C-alpha atoms as a PDB file:
ATOM      1  CA  UNK A   1     164.488 115.750 130.359  1.00  0.00           C
ATOM      2  CA  UNK A   2     166.881 117.842 128.302  1.00  0.00           C
ATOM      3  CA  UNK A   3     165.917 119.745 125.163  1.00  0.00           C
ATOM      4  CA  UNK A   4     167.225 117.058 122.752  1.00  0.00           C
ATOM      5  CA  UNK A   5     165.374 114.290 124.555  1.00  0.00           C
ATOM      6  CA  UNK A   6     162.187 116.322 124.429  1.00  0.00           C
ATOM      7  CA  UNK A   7     162.440 116.815 120.653  1.00  0.00           C
ATOM      8  CA  UNK A   8     163.369 113.188 120.134  1.00  0.00           C
ATOM      9  CA  UNK A   9     160.275 112.124 122.074  1.00  0.00           C
ATOM     10  CA  UNK A  10     158.119 114.479 119.966  1.00  0.00           C
ATOM     11  CA  UNK A  11     159.678 113.177 116.755  1.00  0.00           C
ATOM     12  CA  UNK A  12     159.103 109.534 117.715  1.00  0.00           C
ATOM     13  CA  UNK A  13     155.507 110.290 118.657  1.00  0.00           C
ATOM     14  CA  UNK A  14     154.845 111.940 115.294  1.00  0.00           C
ATOM     15  CA  UNK A  15     156.541 109.109 113.396  1.00  0.00           C
ATOM     16  CA  UNK A  16     154.443 106.531 115.216  1.00  0.00           C
ATOM     17  CA  UNK A  17     151.295 108.331 114.074  1.00  0.00           C
ATOM     18  CA  UNK A  18     152.308 107.688 110.474  1.00  0.00           C
ATOM     19  CA  UNK A  19     153.599 104.150 110.882  1.00  0.00           C
ATOM     20  CA  UNK A  20     152.016 101.418 108.836  1.00  0.00           C
ATOM     21  CA  UNK A  21     150.819  98.077 110.099  1.00  0.00           C
ATOM     22  CA  UNK A  22     150.551  94.796 108.238  1.00  0.00           C
ATOM     23  CA  UNK A  23     146.779  95.327 108.178  1.00  0.00           C
ATOM     24  CA  UNK A  24     147.314  98.698 106.466  1.00  0.00           C
ATOM     25  CA  UNK A  25     149.471  97.005 103.841  1.00  0.00           C
ATOM     26  CA  UNK A  26     146.916  94.260 103.251  1.00  0.00           C
ATOM     27  CA  UNK A  27     144.014  96.716 102.996  1.00  0.00           C
ATOM     28  CA  UNK A  28     145.946  98.871 100.520  1.00  0.00           C
ATOM     29  CA  UNK A  29     146.788  95.786  98.447  1.00  0.00           C
ATOM     30  CA  UNK A  30     143.181  94.609  98.337  1.00  0.00           C
ATOM     31  CA  UNK A  31     142.122  98.160  97.394  1.00  0.00           C
ATOM     32  CA  UNK A  32     144.748  98.106  94.600  1.00  0.00           C
ATOM     33  CA  UNK A  33     146.439 101.137  96.112  1.00  0.00           C
ATOM     34  CA  UNK A  34     149.853  99.896  94.991  1.00  0.00           C
ATOM     35  CA  UNK A  35     152.017 102.829  96.180  1.00  0.00           C
ATOM     36  CA  UNK A  36     150.579 102.708  99.704  1.00  0.00           C
ATOM     37  CA  UNK A  37     150.714  98.911  99.791  1.00  0.00           C
ATOM     38  CA  UNK A  38     154.360  98.975  98.723  1.00  0.00           C
ATOM     39  CA  UNK A  39     155.273 101.655 101.279  1.00  0.00           C
ATOM     40  CA  UNK A  40     153.455  99.800 104.040  1.00  0.00           C
ATOM     41  CA  UNK A  41     155.031  96.440 103.211  1.00  0.00           C
ATOM     42  CA  UNK A  42     158.460  98.103 102.955  1.00  0.00           C
ATOM     43  CA  UNK A  43     158.011  99.449 106.464  1.00  0.00           C
ATOM     44  CA  UNK A  44     156.440  96.383 108.044  1.00  0.00           C
ATOM     45  CA  UNK A  45     158.318  93.459 106.455  1.00  0.00           C
ATOM     46  CA  UNK A  46     161.707  94.116 108.099  1.00  0.00           C
ATOM     47  CA  UNK A  47     160.040  94.001 111.516  1.00  0.00           C
ATOM     48  CA  UNK A  48     158.794  90.450 110.948  1.00  0.00           C
ATOM     49  CA  UNK A  49     160.810  87.264 111.203  1.00  0.00           C
ATOM     50  CA  UNK A  50     161.121  83.960 109.424  1.00  0.00           C
ATOM     51  CA  UNK A  51     158.342  82.813 107.151  1.00  0.00           C
ATOM     52  CA  UNK A  52     156.207  85.850 108.001  1.00  0.00           C
ATOM     53  CA  UNK A  53     158.918  88.131 106.628  1.00  0.00           C
ATOM     54  CA  UNK A  54     159.261  86.025 103.468  1.00  0.00           C
ATOM     55  CA  UNK A  55     155.504  86.109 102.851  1.00  0.00           C
ATOM     56  CA  UNK A  56     155.370  89.847 103.565  1.00  0.00           C
ATOM     57  CA  UNK A  57     158.243  90.506 101.168  1.00  0.00           C
ATOM     58  CA  UNK A  58     156.470  88.457  98.501  1.00  0.00           C
ATOM     59  CA  UNK A  59     153.358  90.645  98.847  1.00  0.00           C
ATOM     60  CA  UNK A  60     155.554  93.735  98.628  1.00  0.00           C
ATOM     61  CA  UNK A  61     157.046  92.416  95.384  1.00  0.00           C
ATOM     62  CA  UNK A  62     153.568  91.830  93.988  1.00  0.00           C
ATOM     63  CA  UNK A  63     152.441  95.335  94.988  1.00  0.00           C
ATOM     64  CA  UNK A  64     155.574  96.945  93.587  1.00  0.00           C
ATOM     65  CA  UNK A  65     155.181  95.130  90.281  1.00  0.00           C
ATOM     66  CA  UNK A  66     151.641  96.506  89.866  1.00  0.00           C
ATOM     67  CA  UNK A  67     152.415 100.235  90.026  1.00  0.00           C
ATOM     68  CA  UNK A  68     152.757 100.555  86.254  1.00  0.00           C
ATOM     69  CA  UNK A  69     156.220 102.096  86.536  1.00  0.00           C
ATOM     70  CA  UNK A  70     159.021 100.254  84.773  1.00  0.00           C
ATOM     71  CA  UNK A  71     161.633 101.242  87.370  1.00  0.00           C
ATOM     72  CA  UNK A  72     159.491  99.774  90.140  1.00  0.00           C
ATOM     73  CA  UNK A  73     158.826  96.647  88.075  1.00  0.00           C
ATOM     74  CA  UNK A  74     162.589  96.218  87.695  1.00  0.00           C
ATOM     75  CA  UNK A  75     163.035  96.731  91.439  1.00  0.00           C
ATOM     76  CA  UNK A  76     160.368  94.107  92.095  1.00  0.00           C
ATOM     77  CA  UNK A  77     162.238  91.687  89.820  1.00  0.00           C
ATOM     78  CA  UNK A  78     165.486  92.265  91.685  1.00  0.00           C
ATOM     79  CA  UNK A  79     163.742  91.833  95.024  1.00  0.00           C
ATOM     80  CA  UNK A  80     162.167  88.612  93.745  1.00  0.00           C
ATOM     81  CA  UNK A  81     165.550  87.264  92.639  1.00  0.00           C
ATOM     82  CA  UNK A  82     167.066  88.145  96.022  1.00  0.00           C
ATOM     83  CA  UNK A  83     164.219  86.448  97.859  1.00  0.00           C
ATOM     84  CA  UNK A  84     164.551  83.326  95.681  1.00  0.00           C
ATOM     85  CA  UNK A  85     168.275  83.195  96.411  1.00  0.00           C
ATOM     86  CA  UNK A  86     167.712  83.614 100.152  1.00  0.00           C
ATOM     87  CA  UNK A  87     165.183  80.855 100.786  1.00  0.00           C
ATOM     88  CA  UNK A  88     165.274  77.105 100.490  1.00  0.00           C
ATOM     89  CA  UNK A  89     163.513  75.312  97.631  1.00  0.00           C
ATOM     90  CA  UNK A  90     161.764  73.343 100.373  1.00  0.00           C
ATOM     91  CA  UNK A  91     160.086  76.512 101.671  1.00  0.00           C
ATOM     92  CA  UNK A  92     156.326  76.472 101.068  1.00  0.00           C
ATOM     93  CA  UNK A  93     156.448  79.783  99.171  1.00  0.00           C
ATOM     94  CA  UNK A  94     159.376  78.844  96.938  1.00  0.00           C
ATOM     95  CA  UNK A  95     157.283  77.465  94.063  1.00  0.00           C
ATOM     96  CA  UNK A  96     155.037  80.560  94.218  1.00  0.00           C
ATOM     97  CA  UNK A  97     158.101  82.762  93.934  1.00  0.00           C
ATOM     98  CA  UNK A  98     159.409  80.743  90.979  1.00  0.00           C
ATOM     99  CA  UNK A  99     155.996  80.989  89.332  1.00  0.00           C
ATOM    100  CA  UNK A 100     156.016  84.744  89.847  1.00  0.00           C
ATOM    101  CA  UNK A 101     159.482  84.877  88.260  1.00  0.00           C
ATOM    102  CA  UNK A 102     158.033  83.074  85.221  1.00  0.00           C
ATOM    103  CA  UNK A 103     155.180  85.574  85.033  1.00  0.00           C
ATOM    104  CA  UNK A 104     157.701  88.428  85.082  1.00  0.00           C
ATOM    105  CA  UNK A 105     159.585  86.747  82.220  1.00  0.00           C
ATOM    106  CA  UNK A 106     156.386  86.332  80.221  1.00  0.00           C
ATOM    107  CA  UNK A 107     155.569  89.990  80.757  1.00  0.00           C
ATOM    108  CA  UNK A 108     159.055  90.847  79.468  1.00  0.00           C
ATOM    109  CA  UNK A 109     158.454  88.489  76.511  1.00  0.00           C
ATOM    110  CA  UNK A 110     161.288  86.180  77.526  1.00  0.00           C
ATOM    111  CA  UNK A 111     159.244  83.138  76.582  1.00  0.00           C
ATOM    112  CA  UNK A 112     162.019  80.525  76.394  1.00  0.00           C
ATOM    113  CA  UNK A 113     163.290  81.502  79.827  1.00  0.00           C
ATOM    114  CA  UNK A 114     159.724  81.541  81.169  1.00  0.00           C
ATOM    115  CA  UNK A 115     159.181  78.002  79.898  1.00  0.00           C
ATOM    116  CA  UNK A 116     162.188  76.766  81.861  1.00  0.00           C
ATOM    117  CA  UNK A 117     161.116  78.703  84.935  1.00  0.00           C
ATOM    118  CA  UNK A 118     157.582  77.279  84.723  1.00  0.00           C
ATOM    119  CA  UNK A 119     159.059  73.786  84.522  1.00  0.00           C
ATOM    120  CA  UNK A 120     161.180  74.550  87.596  1.00  0.00           C
ATOM    121  CA  UNK A 121     158.122  75.826  89.484  1.00  0.00           C
ATOM    122  CA  UNK A 122     156.304  72.553  88.881  1.00  0.00           C
ATOM    123  CA  UNK A 123     159.371  70.491  89.810  1.00  0.00           C
ATOM    124  CA  UNK A 124     159.773  72.177  93.194  1.00  0.00           C
ATOM    125  CA  UNK A 125     156.073  72.423  94.051  1.00  0.00           C
ATOM    126  CA  UNK A 126     154.245  70.191  96.479  1.00  0.00           C
ATOM    127  CA  UNK A 127     151.932  67.529  95.115  1.00  0.00           C
ATOM    128  CA  UNK A 128     148.968  69.660  96.190  1.00  0.00           C
ATOM    129  CA  UNK A 129     150.192  72.656  94.182  1.00  0.00           C
ATOM    130  CA  UNK A 130     151.168  70.778  91.001  1.00  0.00           C
ATOM    131  CA  UNK A 131     147.660  70.745  89.430  1.00  0.00           C
ATOM    132  CA  UNK A 132     147.238  74.444  90.198  1.00  0.00           C
ATOM    133  CA  UNK A 133     150.602  75.315  88.681  1.00  0.00           C
ATOM    134  CA  UNK A 134     149.877  73.150  85.641  1.00  0.00           C
ATOM    135  CA  UNK A 135     146.619  75.056  85.093  1.00  0.00           C
ATOM    136  CA  UNK A 136     148.476  78.341  85.469  1.00  0.00           C
ATOM    137  CA  UNK A 137     150.931  77.082  82.842  1.00  0.00           C
ATOM    138  CA  UNK A 138     148.050  76.364  80.463  1.00  0.00           C
ATOM    139  CA  UNK A 139     146.689  79.867  81.047  1.00  0.00           C
ATOM    140  CA  UNK A 140     150.129  81.377  80.516  1.00  0.00           C
ATOM    141  CA  UNK A 141     150.538  79.448  77.255  1.00  0.00           C
ATOM    142  CA  UNK A 142     147.234  80.927  76.067  1.00  0.00           C
ATOM    143  CA  UNK A 143     148.447  84.401  77.053  1.00  0.00           C
ATOM    144  CA  UNK A 144     151.759  83.943  75.234  1.00  0.00           C
ATOM    145  CA  UNK A 145     150.045  82.539  72.158  1.00  0.00           C
ATOM    146  CA  UNK A 146     147.565  85.397  72.114  1.00  0.00           C
ATOM    147  CA  UNK A 147     150.392  87.897  72.527  1.00  0.00           C
ATOM    148  CA  UNK A 148     152.351  86.334  69.684  1.00  0.00           C
ATOM    149  CA  UNK A 149     149.307  86.416  67.430  1.00  0.00           C
ATOM    150  CA  UNK A 150     148.656  90.065  68.189  1.00  0.00           C
ATOM    151  CA  UNK A 151     152.293  90.849  67.387  1.00  0.00           C
ATOM    152  CA  UNK A 152     151.882  89.384  63.930  1.00  0.00           C
ATOM    153  CA  UNK A 153     150.263  91.856  61.612  1.00  0.00           C
ATOM    154  CA  UNK A 154     149.163  90.317  58.386  1.00  0.00           C
ATOM    155  CA  UNK A 155     147.983  92.638  55.676  1.00  0.00           C
ATOM    156  CA  UNK A 156     146.399  91.437  52.504  1.00  0.00           C
END
C-alpha cells in the first residue's frame, strides 16, 4: 500500500463515520431538526433509485422548506418544480407534490395560482385521495381567508 492509498483509506473511513442513513434523515425530520434532516436526505436520496428516490427527495423538500430561511424555502420550491417536471402525473406521489406546490403558493400569497394548482392536484389524484385533498382545500381556504382578514386593518 503506497502513501496515497493509505491516506485515501483513512479519509474514506472517516467519511463513513459521518455518513447519514435514511433512518437518520427520518429521525431528524420527526424531531423537527430541519438542517440535519435536509443534510441527511441530500446525502441519502441520490443513492436510492426509482420511487424510493422520488419519495426521499419529497421529504428533503419538506425538510428544506421548514428551516425558516427564505433562501432554503426558494431552493425547496425549485427542487419541487424539478421533481414535478421529472415524474409522471400517474406516479402515486404526483398529486402530493402538486398539493405541496399549492401550499408553497399560498405561503407566498399567490392565491389565484394556488387555486389553479389545488384544482390540478384534485384532477390528478386517485379516487382514494380526492376526499383528503378536498378537505385540505377547505382547510387552505380557511387559512387564506383568515390571512386576508388579518391583512385588512379597519380603524374606526
